[in-house]
Amino acid sequence: MSESLLRKWETCLNNGDLDGIVNLYAENAVLWGTFSEVIRDNRKLIRKYFETLFLMQNIKVKFGTPNVRSFGQAAIYSGEYEFSYQSDELVKCPARFSFVFYRGDNGEFKIIDHHSSLVPESD
């Protein structure tokens, strides 16, 4: 099921598993990363994003409850998560996300679109 892909993504990020997280994305995936202005539209650019992200000391993510919608071979997960990393002190970055997963001909789900942005501060 596609939900296991979401959990794999979380585990890979929390463990700093660069190859693992990049391999969850389809070859032609698009990533709009939380901490970058660059739209990443291939695995090479996606890898560069996570290489940079993993330079943040003790980077972690924790998911809230996702909203899930399934459409045949595709599933959309959206919701909130919180990134944290160690600087002089623990820094927390609430963010929102949407992942689009697609089941290929081999039956395996891959991420084909991922958008993430920081939650704006309240007025």
PDB file of N, CA and C in Angstrom:
ATOM      1  N   MET A   1       0.848  -1.191   0.000  1.00  0.00           N
ATOM      2  CA  MET A   1       0.000   0.000   0.000  1.00  0.00           C
ATOM      3  C   MET A   1       0.884   1.241   0.000  1.00  0.00           C
ATOM      4  N   SER A   2       0.352   2.327  -0.520  1.00  0.00           N
ATOM      5  CA  SER A   2       1.144   3.547  -0.642  1.00  0.00           C
ATOM      6  C   SER A   2       1.499   4.159   0.718  1.00  0.00           C
ATOM      7  N   GLU A   3       0.711   3.883   1.762  1.00  0.00           N
ATOM      8  CA  GLU A   3       1.033   4.460   3.073  1.00  0.00           C
ATOM      9  C   GLU A   3       2.385   3.976   3.571  1.00  0.00           C
ATOM     10  N   SER A   4       2.758   2.762   3.227  1.00  0.00           N
ATOM     11  CA  SER A   4       4.066   2.275   3.654  1.00  0.00           C
ATOM     12  C   SER A   4       5.179   3.100   3.005  1.00  0.00           C
ATOM     13  N   LEU A   5       4.930   3.650   1.829  1.00  0.00           N
ATOM     14  CA  LEU A   5       5.918   4.508   1.179  1.00  0.00           C
ATOM     15  C   LEU A   5       6.129   5.789   1.981  1.00  0.00           C
ATOM     16  N   LEU A   6       5.046   6.324   2.524  1.00  0.00           N
ATOM     17  CA  LEU A   6       5.150   7.517   3.370  1.00  0.00           C
ATOM     18  C   LEU A   6       6.002   7.214   4.609  1.00  0.00           C
ATOM     19  N   ARG A   7       5.788   6.061   5.215  1.00  0.00           N
ATOM     20  CA  ARG A   7       6.562   5.673   6.402  1.00  0.00           C
ATOM     21  C   ARG A   7       8.034   5.406   6.034  1.00  0.00           C
ATOM     22  N   LYS A   8       8.263   4.824   4.849  1.00  0.00           N
ATOM     23  CA  LYS A   8       9.645   4.608   4.407  1.00  0.00           C
ATOM     24  C   LYS A   8      10.361   5.942   4.235  1.00  0.00           C
ATOM     25  N   TRP A   9       9.640   6.923   3.662  1.00  0.00           N
ATOM     26  CA  TRP A   9      10.224   8.248   3.466  1.00  0.00           C
ATOM     27  C   TRP A   9      10.629   8.845   4.817  1.00  0.00           C
ATOM     28  N   GLU A  10       9.723   8.745   5.797  1.00  0.00           N
ATOM     29  CA  GLU A  10       9.987   9.254   7.143  1.00  0.00           C
ATOM     30  C   GLU A  10      11.210   8.562   7.754  1.00  0.00           C
ATOM     31  N   THR A  11      11.276   7.252   7.647  1.00  0.00           N
ATOM     32  CA  THR A  11      12.393   6.487   8.206  1.00  0.00           C
ATOM     33  C   THR A  11      13.706   6.852   7.521  1.00  0.00           C
ATOM     34  N   CYS A  12      13.676   6.949   6.200  1.00  0.00           N
ATOM     35  CA  CYS A  12      14.901   7.314   5.460  1.00  0.00           C
ATOM     36  C   CYS A  12      15.388   8.697   5.859  1.00  0.00           C
ATOM     37  N   LEU A  13      14.474   9.658   5.966  1.00  0.00           N
ATOM     38  CA  LEU A  13      14.890  11.005   6.351  1.00  0.00           C
ATOM     39  C   LEU A  13      15.465  10.996   7.760  1.00  0.00           C
ATOM     40  N   ASN A  14      14.771  10.361   8.691  1.00  0.00           N
ATOM     41  CA  ASN A  14      15.225  10.357  10.079  1.00  0.00           C
ATOM     42  C   ASN A  14      16.538   9.620  10.280  1.00  0.00           C
ATOM     43  N   ASN A  15      16.861   8.710   9.370  1.00  0.00           N
ATOM     44  CA  ASN A  15      18.116   7.957   9.467  1.00  0.00           C
ATOM     45  C   ASN A  15      19.212   8.501   8.554  1.00  0.00           C
ATOM     46  N   GLY A  16      18.920   9.583   7.823  1.00  0.00           N
ATOM     47  CA  GLY A  16      19.922  10.136   6.913  1.00  0.00           C
ATOM     48  C   GLY A  16      20.280   9.196   5.783  1.00  0.00           C
ATOM     49  N   ASP A  17      19.317   8.377   5.336  1.00  0.00           N
ATOM     50  CA  ASP A  17      19.544   7.372   4.294  1.00  0.00           C
ATOM     51  C   ASP A  17      19.340   8.011   2.913  1.00  0.00           C
ATOM     52  N   LEU A  18      20.405   8.559   2.358  1.00  0.00           N
ATOM     53  CA  LEU A  18      20.338   9.284   1.091  1.00  0.00           C
ATOM     54  C   LEU A  18      19.864   8.395  -0.058  1.00  0.00           C
ATOM     55  N   ASP A  19      20.510   7.260  -0.258  1.00  0.00           N
ATOM     56  CA  ASP A  19      20.097   6.376  -1.358  1.00  0.00           C
ATOM     57  C   ASP A  19      18.666   5.900  -1.165  1.00  0.00           C
ATOM     58  N   GLY A  20      18.318   5.565   0.065  1.00  0.00           N
ATOM     59  CA  GLY A  20      16.975   5.073   0.344  1.00  0.00           C
ATOM     60  C   GLY A  20      15.909   6.085   0.008  1.00  0.00           C
ATOM     61  N   ILE A  21      16.098   7.338   0.416  1.00  0.00           N
ATOM     62  CA  ILE A  21      15.066   8.348   0.182  1.00  0.00           C
ATOM     63  C   ILE A  21      14.980   8.711  -1.300  1.00  0.00           C
ATOM     64  N   VAL A  22      16.119   8.827  -1.969  1.00  0.00           N
ATOM     65  CA  VAL A  22      16.108   9.170  -3.402  1.00  0.00           C
ATOM     66  C   VAL A  22      15.433   8.072  -4.218  1.00  0.00           C
ATOM     67  N   ASN A  23      15.638   6.828  -3.848  1.00  0.00           N
ATOM     68  CA  ASN A  23      15.046   5.711  -4.593  1.00  0.00           C
ATOM     69  C   ASN A  23      13.534   5.602  -4.421  1.00  0.00           C
ATOM     70  N   LEU A  24      12.952   6.349  -3.496  1.00  0.00           N
ATOM     71  CA  LEU A  24      11.494   6.360  -3.353  1.00  0.00           C
ATOM     72  C   LEU A  24      10.830   7.222  -4.421  1.00  0.00           C
ATOM     73  N   TYR A  25      11.611   8.060  -5.090  1.00  0.00           N
ATOM     74  CA  TYR A  25      11.098   8.952  -6.131  1.00  0.00           C
ATOM     75  C   TYR A  25      11.225   8.302  -7.512  1.00  0.00           C
ATOM     76  N   ALA A  26      10.206   8.524  -8.334  1.00  0.00           N
ATOM     77  CA  ALA A  26      10.257   8.054  -9.724  1.00  0.00           C
ATOM     78  C   ALA A  26      11.349   8.832 -10.469  1.00  0.00           C
ATOM     79  N   GLU A  27      11.816   8.267 -11.569  1.00  0.00           N
ATOM     80  CA  GLU A  27      12.868   8.916 -12.366  1.00  0.00           C
ATOM     81  C   GLU A  27      12.463  10.324 -12.806  1.00  0.00           C
ATOM     82  N   ASN A  28      11.189  10.522 -13.107  1.00  0.00           N
ATOM     83  CA  ASN A  28      10.704  11.808 -13.608  1.00  0.00           C
ATOM     84  C   ASN A  28       9.923  12.589 -12.537  1.00  0.00           C
ATOM     85  N   ALA A  29      10.195  12.311 -11.269  1.00  0.00           N
ATOM     86  CA  ALA A  29       9.487  12.968 -10.172  1.00  0.00           C
ATOM     87  C   ALA A  29       9.834  14.453 -10.099  1.00  0.00           C
ATOM     88  N   VAL A  30       8.941  15.198  -9.441  1.00  0.00           N
ATOM     89  CA  VAL A  30       9.165  16.617  -9.186  1.00  0.00           C
ATOM     90  C   VAL A  30       9.101  16.830  -7.671  1.00  0.00           C
ATOM     91  N   LEU A  31      10.094  17.554  -7.157  1.00  0.00           N
ATOM     92  CA  LEU A  31      10.150  17.891  -5.727  1.00  0.00           C
ATOM     93  C   LEU A  31      10.225  19.401  -5.572  1.00  0.00           C
ATOM     94  N   TRP A  32       9.281  19.950  -4.829  1.00  0.00           N
ATOM     95  CA  TRP A  32       9.293  21.347  -4.412  1.00  0.00           C
ATOM     96  C   TRP A  32       9.670  21.304  -2.932  1.00  0.00           C
ATOM     97  N   GLY A  33      10.936  21.356  -2.621  1.00  0.00           N
ATOM     98  CA  GLY A  33      11.417  21.111  -1.269  1.00  0.00           C
ATOM     99  C   GLY A  33      11.143  22.242  -0.291  1.00  0.00           C
ATOM    100  N   THR A  34      11.045  21.887   0.957  1.00  0.00           N
ATOM    101  CA  THR A  34      10.763  22.827   2.042  1.00  0.00           C
ATOM    102  C   THR A  34      11.845  23.888   2.178  1.00  0.00           C
ATOM    103  N   PHE A  35      13.087  23.492   2.001  1.00  0.00           N
ATOM    104  CA  PHE A  35      14.218  24.365   2.304  1.00  0.00           C
ATOM    105  C   PHE A  35      14.983  24.802   1.056  1.00  0.00           C
ATOM    106  N   SER A  36      14.296  24.921  -0.073  1.00  0.00           N
ATOM    107  CA  SER A  36      14.964  25.292  -1.315  1.00  0.00           C
ATOM    108  C   SER A  36      14.004  26.039  -2.230  1.00  0.00           C
ATOM    109  N   GLU A  37      14.551  26.988  -2.965  1.00  0.00           N
ATOM    110  CA  GLU A  37      13.762  27.707  -3.968  1.00  0.00           C
ATOM    111  C   GLU A  37      13.771  26.986  -5.311  1.00  0.00           C
ATOM    112  N   VAL A  38      14.635  26.006  -5.467  1.00  0.00           N
ATOM    113  CA  VAL A  38      14.805  25.301  -6.736  1.00  0.00           C
ATOM    114  C   VAL A  38      13.781  24.177  -6.861  1.00  0.00           C
ATOM    115  N   ILE A  39      13.092  24.128  -7.984  1.00  0.00           N
ATOM    116  CA  ILE A  39      12.183  23.015  -8.275  1.00  0.00           C
ATOM    117  C   ILE A  39      13.039  21.889  -8.849  1.00  0.00           C
ATOM    118  N   ARG A  40      12.969  20.727  -8.226  1.00  0.00           N
ATOM    119  CA  ARG A  40      13.802  19.580  -8.621  1.00  0.00           C
ATOM    120  C   ARG A  40      12.960  18.643  -9.487  1.00  0.00           C
ATOM    121  N   ASP A  41      13.352  18.460 -10.751  1.00  0.00           N
ATOM    122  CA  ASP A  41      12.518  17.676 -11.660  1.00  0.00           C
ATOM    123  C   ASP A  41      13.206  16.426 -12.212  1.00  0.00           C
ATOM    124  N   ASN A  42      14.207  15.956 -11.481  1.00  0.00           N
ATOM    125  CA  ASN A  42      14.822  14.669 -11.823  1.00  0.00           C
ATOM    126  C   ASN A  42      15.570  14.163 -10.591  1.00  0.00           C
ATOM    127  N   ARG A  43      15.924  12.899 -10.627  1.00  0.00           N
ATOM    128  CA  ARG A  43      16.550  12.288  -9.444  1.00  0.00           C
ATOM    129  C   ARG A  43      17.889  12.908  -9.083  1.00  0.00           C
ATOM    130  N   LYS A  44      18.640  13.357 -10.076  1.00  0.00           N
ATOM    131  CA  LYS A  44      19.942  13.975  -9.789  1.00  0.00           C
ATOM    132  C   LYS A  44      19.737  15.232  -8.940  1.00  0.00           C
ATOM    133  N   LEU A  45      18.784  16.069  -9.309  1.00  0.00           N
ATOM    134  CA  LEU A  45      18.507  17.286  -8.541  1.00  0.00           C
ATOM    135  C   LEU A  45      17.864  16.968  -7.194  1.00  0.00           C
ATOM    136  N   ILE A  46      17.033  15.937  -7.160  1.00  0.00           N
ATOM    137  CA  ILE A  46      16.427  15.508  -5.894  1.00  0.00           C
ATOM    138  C   ILE A  46      17.523  15.028  -4.941  1.00  0.00           C
ATOM    139  N   ARG A  47      18.473  14.280  -5.456  1.00  0.00           N
ATOM    140  CA  ARG A  47      19.603  13.814  -4.642  1.00  0.00           C
ATOM    141  C   ARG A  47      20.368  15.005  -4.066  1.00  0.00           C
ATOM    142  N   LYS A  48      20.620  16.020  -4.886  1.00  0.00           N
ATOM    143  CA  LYS A  48      21.343  17.201  -4.399  1.00  0.00           C
ATOM    144  C   LYS A  48      20.578  17.888  -3.270  1.00  0.00           C
ATOM    145  N   TYR A  49      19.254  17.940  -3.379  1.00  0.00           N
ATOM    146  CA  TYR A  49      18.447  18.543  -2.320  1.00  0.00           C
ATOM    147  C   TYR A  49      18.660  17.809  -1.000  1.00  0.00           C
ATOM    148  N   PHE A  50      18.562  16.470  -1.039  1.00  0.00           N
ATOM    149  CA  PHE A  50      18.700  15.708   0.198  1.00  0.00           C
ATOM    150  C   PHE A  50      20.142  15.683   0.706  1.00  0.00           C
ATOM    151  N   GLU A  51      21.128  15.734  -0.185  1.00  0.00           N
ATOM    152  CA  GLU A  51      22.513  15.846   0.274  1.00  0.00           C
ATOM    153  C   GLU A  51      22.680  17.100   1.130  1.00  0.00           C
ATOM    154  N   THR A  52      22.112  18.200   0.668  1.00  0.00           N
ATOM    155  CA  THR A  52      22.181  19.459   1.411  1.00  0.00           C
ATOM    156  C   THR A  52      21.374  19.375   2.707  1.00  0.00           C
ATOM    157  N   LEU A  53      20.174  18.805   2.612  1.00  0.00           N
ATOM    158  CA  LEU A  53      19.317  18.695   3.793  1.00  0.00           C
ATOM    159  C   LEU A  53      20.000  17.880   4.889  1.00  0.00           C
ATOM    160  N   PHE A  54      20.670  16.804   4.498  1.00  0.00           N
ATOM    161  CA  PHE A  54      21.306  15.928   5.476  1.00  0.00           C
ATOM    162  C   PHE A  54      22.554  16.552   6.111  1.00  0.00           C
ATOM    163  N   LEU A  55      22.979  17.707   5.635  1.00  0.00           N
ATOM    164  CA  LEU A  55      24.064  18.439   6.288  1.00  0.00           C
ATOM    165  C   LEU A  55      23.570  19.138   7.554  1.00  0.00           C
ATOM    166  N   MET A  56      22.247  19.308   7.675  1.00  0.00           N
ATOM    167  CA  MET A  56      21.677  19.905   8.884  1.00  0.00           C
ATOM    168  C   MET A  56      21.831  18.893  10.013  1.00  0.00           C
ATOM    169  N   GLN A  57      22.377  19.323  11.123  1.00  0.00           N
ATOM    170  CA  GLN A  57      22.697  18.410  12.212  1.00  0.00           C
ATOM    171  C   GLN A  57      21.432  17.794  12.810  1.00  0.00           C
ATOM    172  N   ASN A  58      21.388  16.468  12.785  1.00  0.00           N
ATOM    173  CA  ASN A  58      20.310  15.696  13.397  1.00  0.00           C
ATOM    174  C   ASN A  58      18.929  16.057  12.832  1.00  0.00           C
ATOM    175  N   ILE A  59      18.850  16.196  11.510  1.00  0.00           N
ATOM    176  CA  ILE A  59      17.571  16.509  10.858  1.00  0.00           C
ATOM    177  C   ILE A  59      16.591  15.356  11.075  1.00  0.00           C
ATOM    178  N   LYS A  60      15.378  15.700  11.473  1.00  0.00           N
ATOM    179  CA  LYS A  60      14.318  14.719  11.726  1.00  0.00           C
ATOM    180  C   LYS A  60      12.999  15.267  11.196  1.00  0.00           C
ATOM    181  N   VAL A  61      12.048  14.377  10.973  1.00  0.00           N
ATOM    182  CA  VAL A  61      10.697  14.778  10.584  1.00  0.00           C
ATOM    183  C   VAL A  61       9.704  13.944  11.373  1.00  0.00           C
ATOM    184  N   LYS A  62       8.590  14.551  11.710  1.00  0.00           N
ATOM    185  CA  LYS A  62       7.504  13.847  12.383  1.00  0.00           C
ATOM    186  C   LYS A  62       6.204  14.250  11.687  1.00  0.00           C
ATOM    187  N   PHE A  63       5.462  13.249  11.227  1.00  0.00           N
ATOM    188  CA  PHE A  63       4.218  13.482  10.499  1.00  0.00           C
ATOM    189  C   PHE A  63       3.042  13.638  11.454  1.00  0.00           C
ATOM    190  N   GLY A  64       2.132  14.533  11.093  1.00  0.00           N
ATOM    191  CA  GLY A  64       0.812  14.562  11.699  1.00  0.00           C
ATOM    192  C   GLY A  64      -0.044  13.545  10.955  1.00  0.00           C
ATOM    193  N   THR A  65      -1.337  13.575  11.163  1.00  0.00           N
ATOM    194  CA  THR A  65      -2.235  12.657  10.473  1.00  0.00           C
ATOM    195  C   THR A  65      -2.453  13.131   9.031  1.00  0.00           C
ATOM    196  N   PRO A  66      -2.112  12.309   8.042  1.00  0.00           N
ATOM    197  CA  PRO A  66      -2.274  12.753   6.655  1.00  0.00           C
ATOM    198  C   PRO A  66      -3.718  12.593   6.172  1.00  0.00           C
ATOM    199  N   ASN A  67      -4.072  13.405   5.200  1.00  0.00           N
ATOM    200  CA  ASN A  67      -5.308  13.225   4.446  1.00  0.00           C
ATOM    201  C   ASN A  67      -4.959  12.345   3.255  1.00  0.00           C
ATOM    202  N   VAL A  68      -5.755  11.319   3.003  1.00  0.00           N
ATOM    203  CA  VAL A  68      -5.443  10.343   1.968  1.00  0.00           C
ATOM    204  C   VAL A  68      -6.594  10.267   0.980  1.00  0.00           C
ATOM    205  N   ARG A  69      -6.240  10.327  -0.301  1.00  0.00           N
ATOM    206  CA  ARG A  69      -7.213  10.123  -1.367  1.00  0.00           C
ATOM    207  C   ARG A  69      -6.591   9.199  -2.398  1.00  0.00           C
ATOM    208  N   SER A  70      -7.342   8.178  -2.791  1.00  0.00           N
ATOM    209  CA  SER A  70      -6.842   7.215  -3.775  1.00  0.00           C
ATOM    210  C   SER A  70      -7.648   7.316  -5.062  1.00  0.00           C
ATOM    211  N   PHE A  71      -6.929   7.202  -6.170  1.00  0.00           N
ATOM    212  CA  PHE A  71      -7.540   7.287  -7.489  1.00  0.00           C
ATOM    213  C   PHE A  71      -6.912   6.227  -8.387  1.00  0.00           C
ATOM    214  N   GLY A  72      -7.373   5.001  -8.288  1.00  0.00           N
ATOM    215  CA  GLY A  72      -6.829   3.932  -9.126  1.00  0.00           C
ATOM    216  C   GLY A  72      -5.365   3.691  -8.831  1.00  0.00           C
ATOM    217  N   GLN A  73      -4.515   4.018  -9.784  1.00  0.00           N
ATOM    218  CA  GLN A  73      -3.073   3.784  -9.661  1.00  0.00           C
ATOM    219  C   GLN A  73      -2.356   4.887  -8.880  1.00  0.00           C
ATOM    220  N   ALA A  74      -3.089   5.933  -8.481  1.00  0.00           N
ATOM    221  CA  ALA A  74      -2.464   7.062  -7.794  1.00  0.00           C
ATOM    222  C   ALA A  74      -3.073   7.262  -6.410  1.00  0.00           C
ATOM    223  N   ALA A  75      -2.272   7.811  -5.517  1.00  0.00           N
ATOM    224  CA  ALA A  75      -2.738   8.179  -4.183  1.00  0.00           C
ATOM    225  C   ALA A  75      -2.109   9.516  -3.829  1.00  0.00           C
ATOM    226  N   ILE A  76      -2.892  10.366  -3.168  1.00  0.00           N
ATOM    227  CA  ILE A  76      -2.412  11.673  -2.740  1.00  0.00           C
ATOM    228  C   ILE A  76      -2.464  11.720  -1.217  1.00  0.00           C
ATOM    229  N   TYR A  77      -1.346  12.073  -0.636  1.00  0.00           N
ATOM    230  CA  TYR A  77      -1.249  12.255   0.811  1.00  0.00           C
ATOM    231  C   TYR A  77      -0.896  13.720   1.040  1.00  0.00           C
ATOM    232  N   SER A  78      -1.652  14.382   1.898  1.00  0.00           N
ATOM    233  CA  SER A  78      -1.337  15.761   2.230  1.00  0.00           C
ATOM    234  C   SER A  78      -1.571  15.968   3.716  1.00  0.00           C
ATOM    235  N   GLY A  79      -0.923  16.981   4.264  1.00  0.00           N
ATOM    236  CA  GLY A  79      -1.081  17.257   5.679  1.00  0.00           C
ATOM    237  C   GLY A  79       0.052  18.099   6.209  1.00  0.00           C
ATOM    238  N   GLU A  80       0.328  17.909   7.485  1.00  0.00           N
ATOM    239  CA  GLU A  80       1.375  18.665   8.153  1.00  0.00           C
ATOM    240  C   GLU A  80       2.439  17.719   8.708  1.00  0.00           C
ATOM    241  N   TYR A  81       3.657  18.215   8.708  1.00  0.00           N
ATOM    242  CA  TYR A  81       4.740  17.550   9.389  1.00  0.00           C
ATOM    243  C   TYR A  81       5.638  18.601   9.993  1.00  0.00           C
ATOM    244  N   GLU A  82       6.528  18.148  10.865  1.00  0.00           N
ATOM    245  CA  GLU A  82       7.436  19.097  11.491  1.00  0.00           C
ATOM    246  C   GLU A  82       8.855  18.582  11.352  1.00  0.00           C
ATOM    247  N   PHE A  83       9.704  19.426  10.774  1.00  0.00           N
ATOM    248  CA  PHE A  83      11.124  19.134  10.711  1.00  0.00           C
ATOM    249  C   PHE A  83      11.779  19.715  11.962  1.00  0.00           C
ATOM    250  N   SER A  84      12.818  19.080  12.410  1.00  0.00           N
ATOM    251  CA  SER A  84      13.630  19.636  13.487  1.00  0.00           C
ATOM    252  C   SER A  84      15.083  19.298  13.184  1.00  0.00           C
ATOM    253  N   TYR A  85      15.956  20.169  13.661  1.00  0.00           N
ATOM    254  CA  TYR A  85      17.393  19.935  13.538  1.00  0.00           C
ATOM    255  C   TYR A  85      18.093  20.690  14.652  1.00  0.00           C
ATOM    256  N   GLN A  86      19.333  20.314  14.880  1.00  0.00           N
ATOM    257  CA  GLN A  86      20.104  20.913  15.959  1.00  0.00           C
ATOM    258  C   GLN A  86      20.966  22.036  15.399  1.00  0.00           C
ATOM    259  N   SER A  87      20.839  23.205  15.952  1.00  0.00           N
ATOM    260  CA  SER A  87      21.736  24.321  15.682  1.00  0.00           C
ATOM    261  C   SER A  87      22.392  24.621  17.026  1.00  0.00           C
ATOM    262  N   ASP A  88      22.440  25.855  17.450  1.00  0.00           N
ATOM    263  CA  ASP A  88      22.877  26.117  18.821  1.00  0.00           C
ATOM    264  C   ASP A  88      21.874  25.514  19.796  1.00  0.00           C
ATOM    265  N   GLU A  89      20.619  25.458  19.351  1.00  0.00           N
ATOM    266  CA  GLU A  89      19.547  24.817  20.108  1.00  0.00           C
ATOM    267  C   GLU A  89      18.672  24.073  19.106  1.00  0.00           C
ATOM    268  N   LEU A  90      17.689  23.341  19.601  1.00  0.00           N
ATOM    269  CA  LEU A  90      16.797  22.600  18.716  1.00  0.00           C
ATOM    270  C   LEU A  90      15.910  23.582  17.954  1.00  0.00           C
ATOM    271  N   VAL A  91      15.903  23.461  16.639  1.00  0.00           N
ATOM    272  CA  VAL A  91      15.084  24.308  15.770  1.00  0.00           C
ATOM    273  C   VAL A  91      13.948  23.465  15.223  1.00  0.00           C
ATOM    274  N   LYS A  92      12.718  23.941  15.356  1.00  0.00           N
ATOM    275  CA  LYS A  92      11.554  23.233  14.836  1.00  0.00           C
ATOM    276  C   LYS A  92      10.952  24.037  13.693  1.00  0.00           C
ATOM    277  N   CYS A  93      10.604  23.346  12.619  1.00  0.00           N
ATOM    278  CA  CYS A  93      10.082  23.973  11.414  1.00  0.00           C
ATOM    279  C   CYS A  93       8.786  23.293  11.002  1.00  0.00           C
ATOM    280  N   PRO A  94       7.630  23.808  11.429  1.00  0.00           N
ATOM    281  CA  PRO A  94       6.365  23.226  10.988  1.00  0.00           C
ATOM    282  C   PRO A  94       6.194  23.462   9.487  1.00  0.00           C
ATOM    283  N   ALA A  95       5.725  22.446   8.801  1.00  0.00           N
ATOM    284  CA  ALA A  95       5.566  22.534   7.352  1.00  0.00           C
ATOM    285  C   ALA A  95       4.315  21.768   6.924  1.00  0.00           C
ATOM    286  N   ARG A  96       3.910  21.986   5.699  1.00  0.00           N
ATOM    287  CA  ARG A  96       2.785  21.244   5.122  1.00  0.00           C
ATOM    288  C   ARG A  96       3.280  20.576   3.848  1.00  0.00           C
ATOM    289  N   PHE A  97       2.601  19.506   3.475  1.00  0.00           N
ATOM    290  CA  PHE A  97       3.097  18.700   2.366  1.00  0.00           C
ATOM    291  C   PHE A  97       1.958  18.142   1.529  1.00  0.00           C
ATOM    292  N   SER A  98       2.325  17.782   0.319  1.00  0.00           N
ATOM    293  CA  SER A  98       1.495  16.889  -0.494  1.00  0.00           C
ATOM    294  C   SER A  98       2.446  15.973  -1.256  1.00  0.00           C
ATOM    295  N   PHE A  99       2.145  14.694  -1.197  1.00  0.00           N
ATOM    296  CA  PHE A  99       2.862  13.665  -1.945  1.00  0.00           C
ATOM    297  C   PHE A  99       1.861  13.048  -2.911  1.00  0.00           C
ATOM    298  N   VAL A 100       2.282  12.828  -4.147  1.00  0.00           N
ATOM    299  CA  VAL A 100       1.488  12.040  -5.084  1.00  0.00           C
ATOM    300  C   VAL A 100       2.295  10.782  -5.371  1.00  0.00           C
ATOM    301  N   PHE A 101       1.686   9.639  -5.073  1.00  0.00           N
ATOM    302  CA  PHE A 101       2.303   8.339  -5.320  1.00  0.00           C
ATOM    303  C   PHE A 101       1.615   7.707  -6.522  1.00  0.00           C
ATOM    304  N   TYR A 102       2.393   6.986  -7.312  1.00  0.00           N
ATOM    305  CA  TYR A 102       1.833   6.300  -8.481  1.00  0.00           C
ATOM    306  C   TYR A 102       2.336   4.868  -8.499  1.00  0.00           C
ATOM    307  N   ARG A 103       1.405   3.939  -8.749  1.00  0.00           N
ATOM    308  CA  ARG A 103       1.785   2.520  -8.836  1.00  0.00           C
ATOM    309  C   ARG A 103       2.127   2.199 -10.290  1.00  0.00           C
ATOM    310  N   GLY A 104       3.376   1.841 -10.509  1.00  0.00           N
ATOM    311  CA  GLY A 104       3.851   1.512 -11.849  1.00  0.00           C
ATOM    312  C   GLY A 104       3.389   0.135 -12.290  1.00  0.00           C
ATOM    313  N   ASP A 105       3.786  -0.229 -13.494  1.00  0.00           N
ATOM    314  CA  ASP A 105       3.416  -1.528 -14.061  1.00  0.00           C
ATOM    315  C   ASP A 105       3.923  -2.698 -13.228  1.00  0.00           C
ATOM    316  N   ASN A 106       4.998  -2.470 -12.474  1.00  0.00           N
ATOM    317  CA  ASN A 106       5.545  -3.528 -11.623  1.00  0.00           C
ATOM    318  C   ASN A 106       4.813  -3.638 -10.277  1.00  0.00           C
ATOM    319  N   GLY A 107       3.787  -2.784 -10.064  1.00  0.00           N
ATOM    320  CA  GLY A 107       3.007  -2.822  -8.835  1.00  0.00           C
ATOM    321  C   GLY A 107       3.606  -2.026  -7.694  1.00  0.00           C
ATOM    322  N   GLU A 108       4.771  -1.420  -7.915  1.00  0.00           N
ATOM    323  CA  GLU A 108       5.472  -0.672  -6.875  1.00  0.00           C
ATOM    324  C   GLU A 108       5.079   0.806  -6.924  1.00  0.00           C
ATOM    325  N   PHE A 109       4.778   1.370  -5.738  1.00  0.00           N
ATOM    326  CA  PHE A 109       4.481   2.805  -5.654  1.00  0.00           C
ATOM    327  C   PHE A 109       5.783   3.596  -5.620  1.00  0.00           C
ATOM    328  N   LYS A 110       5.793   4.733  -6.329  1.00  0.00           N
ATOM    329  CA  LYS A 110       6.895   5.691  -6.300  1.00  0.00           C
ATOM    330  C   LYS A 110       6.298   7.084  -6.114  1.00  0.00           C
ATOM    331  N   ILE A 111       7.088   7.981  -5.573  1.00  0.00           N
ATOM    332  CA  ILE A 111       6.675   9.374  -5.462  1.00  0.00           C
ATOM    333  C   ILE A 111       6.868  10.017  -6.829  1.00  0.00           C
ATOM    334  N   ILE A 112       5.801  10.626  -7.358  1.00  0.00           N
ATOM    335  CA  ILE A 112       5.928  11.319  -8.639  1.00  0.00           C
ATOM    336  C   ILE A 112       5.847  12.837  -8.475  1.00  0.00           C
ATOM    337  N   ASP A 113       5.316  13.294  -7.341  1.00  0.00           N
ATOM    338  CA  ASP A 113       5.250  14.727  -7.069  1.00  0.00           C
ATOM    339  C   ASP A 113       5.257  14.922  -5.558  1.00  0.00           C
ATOM    340  N   HIS A 114       6.071  15.864  -5.113  1.00  0.00           N
ATOM    341  CA  HIS A 114       6.163  16.149  -3.673  1.00  0.00           C
ATOM    342  C   HIS A 114       6.330  17.653  -3.524  1.00  0.00           C
ATOM    343  N   HIS A 115       5.397  18.263  -2.840  1.00  0.00           N
ATOM    344  CA  HIS A 115       5.463  19.698  -2.553  1.00  0.00           C
ATOM    345  C   HIS A 115       5.464  19.881  -1.057  1.00  0.00           C
ATOM    346  N   SER A 116       6.330  20.753  -0.568  1.00  0.00           N
ATOM    347  CA  SER A 116       6.433  21.015   0.866  1.00  0.00           C
ATOM    348  C   SER A 116       6.761  22.474   1.074  1.00  0.00           C
ATOM    349  N   SER A 117       6.136  23.091   2.058  1.00  0.00           N
ATOM    350  CA  SER A 117       6.430  24.477   2.374  1.00  0.00           C
ATOM    351  C   SER A 117       6.279  24.711   3.868  1.00  0.00           C
ATOM    352  N   LEU A 118       7.051  25.655   4.357  1.00  0.00           N
ATOM    353  CA  LEU A 118       6.953  26.021   5.764  1.00  0.00           C
ATOM    354  C   LEU A 118       5.588  26.638   6.029  1.00  0.00           C
ATOM    355  N   VAL A 119       5.044  26.391   7.200  1.00  0.00           N
ATOM    356  CA  VAL A 119       3.775  27.001   7.605  1.00  0.00           C
ATOM    357  C   VAL A 119       4.071  28.459   7.932  1.00  0.00           C
ATOM    358  N   PRO A 120       3.336  29.397   7.331  1.00  0.00           N
ATOM    359  CA  PRO A 120       3.585  30.810   7.639  1.00  0.00           C
ATOM    360  C   PRO A 120       3.291  31.109   9.109  1.00  0.00           C
ATOM    361  N   GLU A 121       4.015  32.067   9.635  1.00  0.00           N
ATOM    362  CA  GLU A 121       3.765  32.486  11.022  1.00  0.00           C
ATOM    363  C   GLU A 121       2.419  33.202  11.084  1.00  0.00           C
ATOM    364  N   SER A 122       1.728  33.028  12.192  1.00  0.00           N
ATOM    365  CA  SER A 122       0.430  33.665  12.388  1.00  0.00           C
ATOM    366  C   SER A 122       0.602  35.167  12.579  1.00  0.00           C
ATOM    367  N   ASP A 123      -0.452  35.894  12.240  1.00  0.00           N
ATOM    368  CA  ASP A 123      -0.443  37.347  12.453  1.00  0.00           C
ATOM    369  C   ASP A 123      -0.563  37.671  13.915  1.00  0.00           C
TER     370      ASP A 123
END
